[in-house]
Amino acid sequence: MIASTKYCLADPGKAYLVYLPSCGSVTVDLSAAAGVLKSEWLHPVEGKITPGATVSGGAKRTLNALFQGHAVLYIHQPVSK
Protein backbone atom coordinates (compact mmCIF):
# COMPACT_ATOMS: atom_id res chain seq x y z
CA MET A 1 0.00 0.00 0.00
CA ILE A 2 1.49 3.34 -1.05
CA ALA A 3 -0.73 5.65 1.04
CA SER A 4 -2.36 5.05 4.41
CA THR A 5 -5.66 6.48 3.12
CA LYS A 6 -5.67 3.75 0.42
CA TYR A 7 -6.55 6.42 -2.19
CA CYS A 8 -3.46 6.95 -4.30
CA LEU A 9 -2.45 7.19 -7.94
CA ALA A 10 1.29 6.86 -8.34
CA ASP A 11 4.18 6.60 -10.73
CA PRO A 12 6.49 5.32 -7.97
CA GLY A 13 9.64 7.37 -7.61
CA LYS A 14 8.22 10.22 -9.70
CA ALA A 15 4.71 11.35 -8.69
CA TYR A 16 2.04 10.55 -6.10
CA LEU A 17 -1.53 11.87 -5.98
CA VAL A 18 -3.22 11.08 -2.66
CA TYR A 19 -6.80 11.75 -1.56
CA LEU A 20 -7.55 12.37 2.11
CA PRO A 21 -11.32 11.93 2.69
CA SER A 22 -11.06 13.87 5.95
CA CYS A 23 -8.52 16.22 7.44
CA GLY A 24 -5.59 14.84 9.32
CA SER A 25 -2.45 13.16 8.17
CA VAL A 26 -1.39 10.58 5.63
CA THR A 27 1.63 8.31 5.44
CA VAL A 28 3.03 7.87 1.93
CA ASP A 29 5.63 5.24 1.01
CA LEU A 30 8.30 7.17 -0.89
CA SER A 31 10.81 4.31 -0.81
CA ALA A 32 11.05 4.30 -4.61
CA ALA A 33 11.84 8.03 -4.76
CA ALA A 34 15.34 9.44 -4.53
CA GLY A 35 16.25 12.92 -3.39
CA VAL A 36 13.91 15.72 -2.43
CA LEU A 37 10.36 15.97 -3.76
CA LYS A 38 7.91 18.89 -3.80
CA SER A 39 4.46 18.71 -2.25
CA GLU A 40 1.29 20.64 -2.99
CA TRP A 41 -2.11 20.53 -1.31
CA LEU A 42 -5.35 20.98 -3.23
CA HIS A 43 -8.58 21.95 -1.51
CA PRO A 44 -11.07 20.14 -3.81
CA VAL A 45 -14.08 22.22 -2.76
CA GLU A 46 -12.44 25.66 -3.08
CA GLY A 47 -10.04 24.73 -5.89
CA LYS A 48 -7.17 26.35 -4.00
CA ILE A 49 -3.63 24.97 -4.36
CA THR A 50 -1.19 25.58 -1.51
CA PRO A 51 2.53 24.73 -1.74
CA GLY A 52 3.63 22.27 0.92
CA ALA A 53 6.98 21.40 2.39
CA THR A 54 9.68 19.53 0.53
CA VAL A 55 9.76 15.82 1.29
CA SER A 56 12.72 13.46 1.27
CA GLY A 57 12.31 10.23 -0.65
CA GLY A 58 13.67 6.85 0.36
CA ALA A 59 11.25 5.97 3.17
CA LYS A 60 7.69 6.29 4.43
CA ARG A 61 6.79 9.91 5.26
CA THR A 62 3.85 11.33 7.17
CA LEU A 63 2.37 14.65 6.06
CA ASN A 64 -0.34 16.71 7.74
CA ALA A 65 -3.13 18.37 5.76
CA LEU A 66 -2.90 22.16 5.67
CA PHE A 67 -6.67 22.71 6.02
CA GLN A 68 -9.88 21.09 7.27
CA GLY A 69 -12.06 18.72 5.25
CA HIS A 70 -11.27 16.83 2.08
CA ALA A 71 -7.75 17.24 0.69
CA VAL A 72 -5.63 16.10 -2.22
CA LEU A 73 -1.86 15.81 -1.83
CA TYR A 74 0.43 15.92 -4.86
CA ILE A 75 4.05 14.85 -4.29
CA HIS A 76 6.39 14.98 -7.26
CA GLN A 77 9.93 15.38 -8.49
CA PRO A 78 10.85 19.05 -9.10
CA VAL A 79 10.77 20.08 -12.75
CA SER A 80 14.28 20.42 -14.21
CA LYS A 81 15.05 23.64 -16.03
PDB file of N, CA and C in Angstrom:
ATOM      1  N   MET A   1       0.847  -1.171   0.000  1.00  0.00           N
ATOM      2  CA  MET A   1       0.000   0.000   0.000  1.00  0.00           C
ATOM      3  C   MET A   1       0.900   1.244   0.000  1.00  0.00           C
ATOM      4  N   ILE A   2       0.652   2.145  -0.918  1.00  0.00           N
ATOM      5  CA  ILE A   2       1.486   3.339  -1.045  1.00  0.00           C
ATOM      6  C   ILE A   2       1.059   4.421  -0.063  1.00  0.00           C
ATOM      7  N   ALA A   3      -0.250   4.606   0.147  1.00  0.00           N
ATOM      8  CA  ALA A   3      -0.732   5.654   1.044  1.00  0.00           C
ATOM      9  C   ALA A   3      -1.659   5.059   2.104  1.00  0.00           C
ATOM     10  N   SER A   4      -1.551   5.578   3.313  1.00  0.00           N
ATOM     11  CA  SER A   4      -2.361   5.049   4.411  1.00  0.00           C
ATOM     12  C   SER A   4      -3.856   5.292   4.219  1.00  0.00           C
ATOM     13  N   THR A   5      -4.233   6.253   3.391  1.00  0.00           N
ATOM     14  CA  THR A   5      -5.656   6.479   3.118  1.00  0.00           C
ATOM     15  C   THR A   5      -6.221   5.455   2.133  1.00  0.00           C
ATOM     16  N   LYS A   6      -5.329   4.744   1.445  1.00  0.00           N
ATOM     17  CA  LYS A   6      -5.669   3.748   0.418  1.00  0.00           C
ATOM     18  C   LYS A   6      -6.170   4.378  -0.879  1.00  0.00           C
ATOM     19  N   TYR A   7      -6.150   5.706  -0.973  1.00  0.00           N
ATOM     20  CA  TYR A   7      -6.555   6.419  -2.188  1.00  0.00           C
ATOM     21  C   TYR A   7      -5.322   7.077  -2.783  1.00  0.00           C
ATOM     22  N   CYS A   8      -4.695   6.418  -3.745  1.00  0.00           N
ATOM     23  CA  CYS A   8      -3.457   6.952  -4.300  1.00  0.00           C
ATOM     24  C   CYS A   8      -3.265   6.504  -5.746  1.00  0.00           C
ATOM     25  N   LEU A   9      -2.922   7.465  -6.588  1.00  0.00           N
ATOM     26  CA  LEU A   9      -2.453   7.187  -7.940  1.00  0.00           C
ATOM     27  C   LEU A   9      -0.972   7.514  -7.919  1.00  0.00           C
ATOM     28  N   ALA A  10      -0.144   6.618  -8.444  1.00  0.00           N
ATOM     29  CA  ALA A  10       1.294   6.859  -8.339  1.00  0.00           C
ATOM     30  C   ALA A  10       2.055   6.347  -9.543  1.00  0.00           C
ATOM     31  N   ASP A  11       3.111   7.057  -9.856  1.00  0.00           N
ATOM     32  CA  ASP A  11       4.180   6.602 -10.734  1.00  0.00           C
ATOM     33  C   ASP A  11       5.369   6.539  -9.781  1.00  0.00           C
ATOM     34  N   PRO A  12       5.526   5.401  -9.065  1.00  0.00           N
ATOM     35  CA  PRO A  12       6.489   5.315  -7.972  1.00  0.00           C
ATOM     36  C   PRO A  12       7.866   5.879  -8.330  1.00  0.00           C
ATOM     37  N   GLY A  13       8.351   6.715  -7.422  1.00  0.00           N
ATOM     38  CA  GLY A  13       9.636   7.371  -7.615  1.00  0.00           C
ATOM     39  C   GLY A  13       9.527   8.715  -8.297  1.00  0.00           C
ATOM     40  N   LYS A  14       8.378   8.983  -8.934  1.00  0.00           N
ATOM     41  CA  LYS A  14       8.219  10.222  -9.697  1.00  0.00           C
ATOM     42  C   LYS A  14       7.075  11.102  -9.199  1.00  0.00           C
ATOM     43  N   ALA A  15       5.873  10.538  -9.049  1.00  0.00           N
ATOM     44  CA  ALA A  15       4.712  11.352  -8.686  1.00  0.00           C
ATOM     45  C   ALA A  15       3.685  10.520  -7.915  1.00  0.00           C
ATOM     46  N   TYR A  16       3.030  11.185  -6.953  1.00  0.00           N
ATOM     47  CA  TYR A  16       2.038  10.555  -6.098  1.00  0.00           C
ATOM     48  C   TYR A  16       0.878  11.525  -5.923  1.00  0.00           C
ATOM     49  N   LEU A  17      -0.328  11.065  -6.153  1.00  0.00           N
ATOM     50  CA  LEU A  17      -1.526  11.870  -5.978  1.00  0.00           C
ATOM     51  C   LEU A  17      -2.397  11.139  -4.950  1.00  0.00           C
ATOM     52  N   VAL A  18      -2.573  11.743  -3.785  1.00  0.00           N
ATOM     53  CA  VAL A  18      -3.223  11.075  -2.664  1.00  0.00           C
ATOM     54  C   VAL A  18      -4.458  11.858  -2.232  1.00  0.00           C
ATOM     55  N   TYR A  19      -5.562  11.145  -2.049  1.00  0.00           N
ATOM     56  CA  TYR A  19      -6.800  11.754  -1.563  1.00  0.00           C
ATOM     57  C   TYR A  19      -6.953  11.468  -0.074  1.00  0.00           C
ATOM     58  N   LEU A  20      -7.241  12.508   0.692  1.00  0.00           N
ATOM     59  CA  LEU A  20      -7.553  12.373   2.112  1.00  0.00           C
ATOM     60  C   LEU A  20      -9.036  12.688   2.275  1.00  0.00           C
ATOM     61  N   PRO A  21      -9.880  11.701   2.596  1.00  0.00           N
ATOM     62  CA  PRO A  21     -11.317  11.932   2.694  1.00  0.00           C
ATOM     63  C   PRO A  21     -11.714  12.812   3.875  1.00  0.00           C
ATOM     64  N   SER A  22     -10.824  12.958   4.830  1.00  0.00           N
ATOM     65  CA  SER A  22     -11.063  13.874   5.951  1.00  0.00           C
ATOM     66  C   SER A  22      -9.720  14.462   6.352  1.00  0.00           C
ATOM     67  N   CYS A  23      -9.768  15.564   7.068  1.00  0.00           N
ATOM     68  CA  CYS A  23      -8.522  16.221   7.441  1.00  0.00           C
ATOM     69  C   CYS A  23      -7.684  15.298   8.312  1.00  0.00           C
ATOM     70  N   GLY A  24      -6.473  15.648   8.491  1.00  0.00           N
ATOM     71  CA  GLY A  24      -5.591  14.842   9.317  1.00  0.00           C
ATOM     72  C   GLY A  24      -4.266  14.635   8.630  1.00  0.00           C
ATOM     73  N   SER A  25      -3.751  13.448   8.753  1.00  0.00           N
ATOM     74  CA  SER A  25      -2.447  13.159   8.171  1.00  0.00           C
ATOM     75  C   SER A  25      -2.527  11.910   7.300  1.00  0.00           C
ATOM     76  N   VAL A  26      -1.492  11.750   6.498  1.00  0.00           N
ATOM     77  CA  VAL A  26      -1.385  10.583   5.632  1.00  0.00           C
ATOM     78  C   VAL A  26       0.078  10.150   5.610  1.00  0.00           C
ATOM     79  N   THR A  27       0.287   8.851   5.586  1.00  0.00           N
ATOM     80  CA  THR A  27       1.633   8.312   5.437  1.00  0.00           C
ATOM     81  C   THR A  27       1.759   7.793   4.011  1.00  0.00           C
ATOM     82  N   VAL A  28       2.811   8.248   3.325  1.00  0.00           N
ATOM     83  CA  VAL A  28       3.035   7.875   1.927  1.00  0.00           C
ATOM     84  C   VAL A  28       4.374   7.156   1.847  1.00  0.00           C
ATOM     85  N   ASP A  29       4.390   6.004   1.183  1.00  0.00           N
ATOM     86  CA  ASP A  29       5.626   5.239   1.006  1.00  0.00           C
ATOM     87  C   ASP A  29       6.403   5.816  -0.176  1.00  0.00           C
ATOM     88  N   LEU A  30       7.452   6.556   0.133  1.00  0.00           N
ATOM     89  CA  LEU A  30       8.296   7.172  -0.890  1.00  0.00           C
ATOM     90  C   LEU A  30       9.613   6.411  -1.053  1.00  0.00           C
ATOM     91  N   SER A  31       9.603   5.124  -0.727  1.00  0.00           N
ATOM     92  CA  SER A  31      10.813   4.309  -0.808  1.00  0.00           C
ATOM     93  C   SER A  31      11.407   4.279  -2.211  1.00  0.00           C
ATOM     94  N   ALA A  32      10.581   4.360  -3.230  1.00  0.00           N
ATOM     95  CA  ALA A  32      11.054   4.296  -4.612  1.00  0.00           C
ATOM     96  C   ALA A  32      11.601   5.635  -5.108  1.00  0.00           C
ATOM     97  N   ALA A  33      11.420   6.685  -4.332  1.00  0.00           N
ATOM     98  CA  ALA A  33      11.843   8.027  -4.757  1.00  0.00           C
ATOM     99  C   ALA A  33      13.212   8.366  -4.175  1.00  0.00           C
ATOM    100  N   ALA A  34      14.029   8.990  -4.988  1.00  0.00           N
ATOM    101  CA  ALA A  34      15.345   9.437  -4.530  1.00  0.00           C
ATOM    102  C   ALA A  34      15.355  10.961  -4.445  1.00  0.00           C
ATOM    103  N   GLY A  35      16.093  11.475  -3.495  1.00  0.00           N
ATOM    104  CA  GLY A  35      16.253  12.918  -3.393  1.00  0.00           C
ATOM    105  C   GLY A  35      15.064  13.595  -2.737  1.00  0.00           C
ATOM    106  N   VAL A  36      14.950  14.884  -3.030  1.00  0.00           N
ATOM    107  CA  VAL A  36      13.915  15.721  -2.428  1.00  0.00           C
ATOM    108  C   VAL A  36      12.777  15.930  -3.418  1.00  0.00           C
ATOM    109  N   LEU A  37      11.545  15.785  -2.931  1.00  0.00           N
ATOM    110  CA  LEU A  37      10.358  15.975  -3.758  1.00  0.00           C
ATOM    111  C   LEU A  37       9.586  17.197  -3.272  1.00  0.00           C
ATOM    112  N   LYS A  38       8.786  17.769  -4.151  1.00  0.00           N
ATOM    113  CA  LYS A  38       7.911  18.889  -3.797  1.00  0.00           C
ATOM    114  C   LYS A  38       6.542  18.340  -3.407  1.00  0.00           C
ATOM    115  N   SER A  39       5.837  19.089  -2.577  1.00  0.00           N
ATOM    116  CA  SER A  39       4.464  18.706  -2.254  1.00  0.00           C
ATOM    117  C   SER A  39       3.553  19.908  -2.435  1.00  0.00           C
ATOM    118  N   GLU A  40       2.315  19.619  -2.811  1.00  0.00           N
ATOM    119  CA  GLU A  40       1.287  20.638  -2.986  1.00  0.00           C
ATOM    120  C   GLU A  40      -0.019  20.062  -2.458  1.00  0.00           C
ATOM    121  N   TRP A  41      -0.820  20.935  -1.837  1.00  0.00           N
ATOM    122  CA  TRP A  41      -2.112  20.534  -1.309  1.00  0.00           C
ATOM    123  C   TRP A  41      -3.208  21.219  -2.104  1.00  0.00           C
ATOM    124  N   LEU A  42      -4.205  20.453  -2.502  1.00  0.00           N
ATOM    125  CA  LEU A  42      -5.352  20.983  -3.234  1.00  0.00           C
ATOM    126  C   LEU A  42      -6.590  20.860  -2.348  1.00  0.00           C
ATOM    127  N   HIS A  43      -7.290  21.964  -2.197  1.00  0.00           N
ATOM    128  CA  HIS A  43      -8.582  21.949  -1.505  1.00  0.00           C
ATOM    129  C   HIS A  43      -9.627  21.698  -2.590  1.00  0.00           C
ATOM    130  N   PRO A  44     -10.190  20.478  -2.686  1.00  0.00           N
ATOM    131  CA  PRO A  44     -11.067  20.139  -3.815  1.00  0.00           C
ATOM    132  C   PRO A  44     -12.383  20.918  -3.864  1.00  0.00           C
ATOM    133  N   VAL A  45     -12.837  21.456  -2.762  1.00  0.00           N
ATOM    134  CA  VAL A  45     -14.078  22.224  -2.763  1.00  0.00           C
ATOM    135  C   VAL A  45     -13.823  23.655  -3.238  1.00  0.00           C
ATOM    136  N   GLU A  46     -12.761  24.274  -2.732  1.00  0.00           N
ATOM    137  CA  GLU A  46     -12.440  25.655  -3.079  1.00  0.00           C
ATOM    138  C   GLU A  46     -11.576  25.779  -4.331  1.00  0.00           C
ATOM    139  N   GLY A  47     -10.917  24.692  -4.720  1.00  0.00           N
ATOM    140  CA  GLY A  47     -10.041  24.727  -5.885  1.00  0.00           C
ATOM    141  C   GLY A  47      -8.722  25.436  -5.621  1.00  0.00           C
ATOM    142  N   LYS A  48      -8.389  25.638  -4.372  1.00  0.00           N
ATOM    143  CA  LYS A  48      -7.173  26.354  -3.995  1.00  0.00           C
ATOM    144  C   LYS A  48      -5.998  25.381  -3.874  1.00  0.00           C
ATOM    145  N   ILE A  49      -4.852  25.774  -4.456  1.00  0.00           N
ATOM    146  CA  ILE A  49      -3.633  24.973  -4.362  1.00  0.00           C
ATOM    147  C   ILE A  49      -2.657  25.715  -3.461  1.00  0.00           C
ATOM    148  N   THR A  50      -2.125  25.001  -2.465  1.00  0.00           N
ATOM    149  CA  THR A  50      -1.187  25.577  -1.514  1.00  0.00           C
ATOM    150  C   THR A  50       0.111  24.781  -1.550  1.00  0.00           C
ATOM    151  N   PRO A  51       1.247  25.449  -1.777  1.00  0.00           N
ATOM    152  CA  PRO A  51       2.526  24.734  -1.735  1.00  0.00           C
ATOM    153  C   PRO A  51       2.756  24.131  -0.350  1.00  0.00           C
ATOM    154  N   GLY A  52       3.297  22.935  -0.338  1.00  0.00           N
ATOM    155  CA  GLY A  52       3.633  22.269   0.916  1.00  0.00           C
ATOM    156  C   GLY A  52       5.139  22.222   1.090  1.00  0.00           C
ATOM    157  N   ALA A  53       5.566  21.540   2.101  1.00  0.00           N
ATOM    158  CA  ALA A  53       6.984  21.400   2.395  1.00  0.00           C
ATOM    159  C   ALA A  53       7.651  20.436   1.416  1.00  0.00           C
ATOM    160  N   THR A  54       8.954  20.531   1.309  1.00  0.00           N
ATOM    161  CA  THR A  54       9.683  19.532   0.534  1.00  0.00           C
ATOM    162  C   THR A  54       9.712  18.247   1.361  1.00  0.00           C
ATOM    163  N   VAL A  55       9.812  17.131   0.657  1.00  0.00           N
ATOM    164  CA  VAL A  55       9.758  15.820   1.292  1.00  0.00           C
ATOM    165  C   VAL A  55      10.924  14.988   0.782  1.00  0.00           C
ATOM    166  N   SER A  56      11.627  14.340   1.675  1.00  0.00           N
ATOM    167  CA  SER A  56      12.723  13.463   1.271  1.00  0.00           C
ATOM    168  C   SER A  56      12.192  12.097   0.886  1.00  0.00           C
ATOM    169  N   GLY A  57      12.680  11.570  -0.225  1.00  0.00           N
ATOM    170  CA  GLY A  57      12.306  10.234  -0.653  1.00  0.00           C
ATOM    171  C   GLY A  57      13.092   9.193   0.124  1.00  0.00           C
ATOM    172  N   GLY A  58      12.892   7.924  -0.222  1.00  0.00           N
ATOM    173  CA  GLY A  58      13.668   6.849   0.361  1.00  0.00           C
ATOM    174  C   GLY A  58      13.049   6.141   1.543  1.00  0.00           C
ATOM    175  N   ALA A  59      11.881   6.592   2.010  1.00  0.00           N
ATOM    176  CA  ALA A  59      11.247   5.971   3.174  1.00  0.00           C
ATOM    177  C   ALA A  59       9.771   6.383   3.222  1.00  0.00           C
ATOM    178  N   LYS A  60       9.062   5.863   4.207  1.00  0.00           N
ATOM    179  CA  LYS A  60       7.685   6.293   4.429  1.00  0.00           C
ATOM    180  C   LYS A  60       7.721   7.644   5.120  1.00  0.00           C
ATOM    181  N   ARG A  61       6.854   8.563   4.689  1.00  0.00           N
ATOM    182  CA  ARG A  61       6.789   9.914   5.259  1.00  0.00           C
ATOM    183  C   ARG A  61       5.352  10.235   5.626  1.00  0.00           C
ATOM    184  N   THR A  62       5.168  10.915   6.740  1.00  0.00           N
ATOM    185  CA  THR A  62       3.846  11.332   7.174  1.00  0.00           C
ATOM    186  C   THR A  62       3.711  12.829   6.981  1.00  0.00           C
ATOM    187  N   LEU A  63       2.640  13.232   6.317  1.00  0.00           N
ATOM    188  CA  LEU A  63       2.375  14.648   6.064  1.00  0.00           C
ATOM    189  C   LEU A  63       1.015  15.001   6.641  1.00  0.00           C
ATOM    190  N   ASN A  64       0.899  16.226   7.134  1.00  0.00           N
ATOM    191  CA  ASN A  64      -0.336  16.715   7.736  1.00  0.00           C
ATOM    192  C   ASN A  64      -1.035  17.667   6.783  1.00  0.00           C
ATOM    193  N   ALA A  65      -2.333  17.484   6.622  1.00  0.00           N
ATOM    194  CA  ALA A  65      -3.127  18.366   5.763  1.00  0.00           C
ATOM    195  C   ALA A  65      -3.022  19.803   6.272  1.00  0.00           C
ATOM    196  N   LEU A  66      -3.056  20.744   5.330  1.00  0.00           N
ATOM    197  CA  LEU A  66      -2.903  22.158   5.672  1.00  0.00           C
ATOM    198  C   LEU A  66      -4.229  22.848   5.951  1.00  0.00           C
ATOM    199  N   PHE A  67      -5.344  22.118   5.813  1.00  0.00           N
ATOM    200  CA  PHE A  67      -6.665  22.710   6.017  1.00  0.00           C
ATOM    201  C   PHE A  67      -7.642  21.625   6.441  1.00  0.00           C
ATOM    202  N   GLN A  68      -8.835  22.018   6.823  1.00  0.00           N
ATOM    203  CA  GLN A  68      -9.875  21.087   7.273  1.00  0.00           C
ATOM    204  C   GLN A  68     -10.642  20.513   6.084  1.00  0.00           C
ATOM    205  N   GLY A  69     -11.208  19.339   6.272  1.00  0.00           N
ATOM    206  CA  GLY A  69     -12.057  18.724   5.253  1.00  0.00           C
ATOM    207  C   GLY A  69     -11.280  17.872   4.268  1.00  0.00           C
ATOM    208  N   HIS A  70     -11.893  17.628   3.125  1.00  0.00           N
ATOM    209  CA  HIS A  70     -11.270  16.827   2.079  1.00  0.00           C
ATOM    210  C   HIS A  70      -9.983  17.505   1.609  1.00  0.00           C
ATOM    211  N   ALA A  71      -9.007  16.692   1.187  1.00  0.00           N
ATOM    212  CA  ALA A  71      -7.748  17.244   0.694  1.00  0.00           C
ATOM    213  C   ALA A  71      -7.148  16.296  -0.333  1.00  0.00           C
ATOM    214  N   VAL A  72      -6.387  16.877  -1.250  1.00  0.00           N
ATOM    215  CA  VAL A  72      -5.625  16.097  -2.222  1.00  0.00           C
ATOM    216  C   VAL A  72      -4.173  16.528  -2.093  1.00  0.00           C
ATOM    217  N   LEU A  73      -3.290  15.558  -1.959  1.00  0.00           N
ATOM    218  CA  LEU A  73      -1.858  15.813  -1.831  1.00  0.00           C
ATOM    219  C   LEU A  73      -1.163  15.359  -3.103  1.00  0.00           C
ATOM    220  N   TYR A  74      -0.347  16.238  -3.658  1.00  0.00           N
ATOM    221  CA  TYR A  74       0.433  15.925  -4.858  1.00  0.00           C
ATOM    222  C   TYR A  74       1.904  16.031  -4.490  1.00  0.00           C
ATOM    223  N   ILE A  75       2.612  14.899  -4.556  1.00  0.00           N
ATOM    224  CA  ILE A  75       4.048  14.849  -4.287  1.00  0.00           C
ATOM    225  C   ILE A  75       4.721  14.483  -5.596  1.00  0.00           C
ATOM    226  N   HIS A  76       5.770  15.240  -5.971  1.00  0.00           N
ATOM    227  CA  HIS A  76       6.391  14.981  -7.262  1.00  0.00           C
ATOM    228  C   HIS A  76       7.834  15.461  -7.284  1.00  0.00           C
ATOM    229  N   GLN A  77       8.559  14.932  -8.257  1.00  0.00           N
ATOM    230  CA  GLN A  77       9.933  15.385  -8.487  1.00  0.00           C
ATOM    231  C   GLN A  77       9.887  16.814  -9.003  1.00  0.00           C
ATOM    232  N   PRO A  78      10.806  17.683  -8.573  1.00  0.00           N
ATOM    233  CA  PRO A  78      10.854  19.048  -9.099  1.00  0.00           C
ATOM    234  C   PRO A  78      11.115  19.019 -10.608  1.00  0.00           C
ATOM    235  N   VAL A  79      10.579  19.975 -11.306  1.00  0.00           N
ATOM    236  CA  VAL A  79      10.774  20.077 -12.750  1.00  0.00           C
ATOM    237  C   VAL A  79      12.165  20.643 -13.017  1.00  0.00           C
ATOM    238  N   SER A  80      12.931  19.955 -13.857  1.00  0.00           N
ATOM    239  CA  SER A  80      14.281  20.424 -14.211  1.00  0.00           C
ATOM    240  C   SER A  80      14.182  21.540 -15.227  1.00  0.00           C
ATOM    241  N   LYS A  81      15.030  22.527 -15.060  1.00  0.00           N
ATOM    242  CA  LYS A  81      15.046  23.641 -16.029  1.00  0.00           C
ATOM    243  C   LYS A  81      16.210  23.521 -16.960  1.00  0.00           C
TER     244      LYS A  81
END
